[in-house]
Protein backbone atom coordinates (compact mmCIF):
# COMPACT_ATOMS: atom_id res chain seq x y z
CA UNK A 1 112.51 137.38 76.96
CA UNK A 2 113.82 138.79 80.10
CA UNK A 3 116.81 141.88 80.93
CA UNK A 4 119.56 139.38 80.87
CA UNK A 5 118.81 137.87 77.54
CA UNK A 6 118.91 141.31 76.00
CA UNK A 7 121.62 142.47 77.78
CA UNK A 8 124.09 139.89 76.54
CA UNK A 9 124.55 139.35 72.95
CA UNK A 10 124.82 135.51 71.88
CA UNK A 11 128.28 134.76 70.73
CA UNK A 12 129.21 131.84 68.14
CA UNK A 13 131.81 129.52 69.65
CA UNK A 14 135.27 130.59 68.02
CA UNK A 15 138.27 127.78 67.39
CA UNK A 16 140.02 130.32 69.90
CA UNK A 17 137.68 130.32 72.66
CA UNK A 18 136.90 126.46 72.04
CA UNK A 19 141.26 126.20 72.73
CA UNK A 20 141.05 128.99 75.62
CA UNK A 21 138.50 126.40 77.14
CA UNK A 22 139.88 122.94 76.14
CA UNK A 23 143.25 124.83 77.94
CA UNK A 24 141.89 126.25 80.79
CA UNK A 25 140.43 122.59 81.32
CA UNK A 26 143.62 120.88 80.90
CA UNK A 27 145.07 123.02 83.17
CA UNK A 28 142.40 122.13 86.04
CA UNK A 29 142.28 118.50 85.25
CA UNK A 30 146.15 118.69 85.56
CA UNK A 31 146.11 120.12 89.18
CA UNK A 32 143.89 118.08 90.35
CA UNK A 33 145.99 115.16 89.46
CA UNK A 34 148.70 117.29 91.12
CA UNK A 35 146.97 117.28 94.34
CA UNK A 36 145.88 113.89 94.16
CA UNK A 37 149.64 112.59 93.84
CA UNK A 38 150.77 114.95 96.43
CA UNK A 39 147.80 113.74 98.94
CA UNK A 40 148.48 109.94 98.19
CA UNK A 41 152.96 110.70 98.57
CA UNK A 42 152.07 112.63 102.16
CA UNK A 43 149.25 110.26 103.40
CA UNK A 44 152.20 106.91 102.67
CA UNK A 45 155.30 108.97 104.28
CA UNK A 46 153.09 109.39 107.59
CA UNK A 47 151.94 105.62 107.35
CA UNK A 48 155.76 104.48 107.23
CA UNK A 49 156.73 107.61 109.48
CA UNK A 50 153.99 105.70 112.31
CA UNK A 51 155.21 102.36 111.22
CA UNK A 52 158.53 103.33 112.16
CA UNK A 53 157.50 104.89 115.30
CA UNK A 54 155.22 101.82 116.14
CA UNK A 55 158.27 99.16 116.24
CA UNK A 56 160.74 101.44 118.16
CA UNK A 57 158.58 100.29 121.25
CA UNK A 58 157.36 102.32 124.28
CA UNK A 59 161.02 102.73 125.36
CA UNK A 60 161.57 105.12 122.80
CA UNK A 61 158.74 106.93 122.23
CA UNK A 62 158.63 110.71 121.90
CA UNK A 63 155.44 111.29 123.51
CA UNK A 64 154.48 112.88 126.96
CA UNK A 65 152.21 110.12 128.15
CA UNK A 66 154.78 108.01 128.11
CA UNK A 67 157.14 110.61 130.42
CA UNK A 68 154.28 111.76 132.37
CA UNK A 69 155.32 108.81 135.50
CA UNK A 70 158.91 109.44 135.05
CA UNK A 71 161.04 112.19 136.07
CA UNK A 72 161.25 115.64 134.19
CA UNK A 73 162.97 115.07 130.83
CA UNK A 74 165.66 117.66 130.17
CA UNK A 75 164.81 120.07 127.30
CA UNK A 76 168.10 120.36 126.11
CA UNK A 77 168.25 116.63 125.46
CA UNK A 78 165.14 115.88 124.37
CA UNK A 79 165.05 118.42 121.73
CA UNK A 80 161.61 120.19 123.35
CA UNK A 81 161.29 123.99 123.43
CA UNK A 82 159.89 125.16 126.41
CA UNK A 83 157.46 128.53 125.82
CA UNK A 84 156.20 131.18 128.45
CA UNK A 85 153.65 133.15 128.67
CA UNK A 86 154.39 137.71 129.21
CA UNK A 87 152.50 140.03 129.83
CA UNK A 88 151.26 141.95 126.89
CA UNK A 89 152.93 145.29 126.22
């Protein structure tokens, strides 16, 4: 016998322990199912958004690659935010 077995007495599984174990297991399973459902819905939303962007074509695309060869884009009309760096104080 090792020291671990001597320090911890054997406790029988009472009905309350079985109930607690079942409740914790069901809670874990419910959380896992919820995570799968949320992940699938987010993936579906992303696929729908990408398909809509793909159908709009490059003329109205919001990527910087499409506008890199053209004149500068006005930040107020395109919704872009200009961020500048300042020295730490």
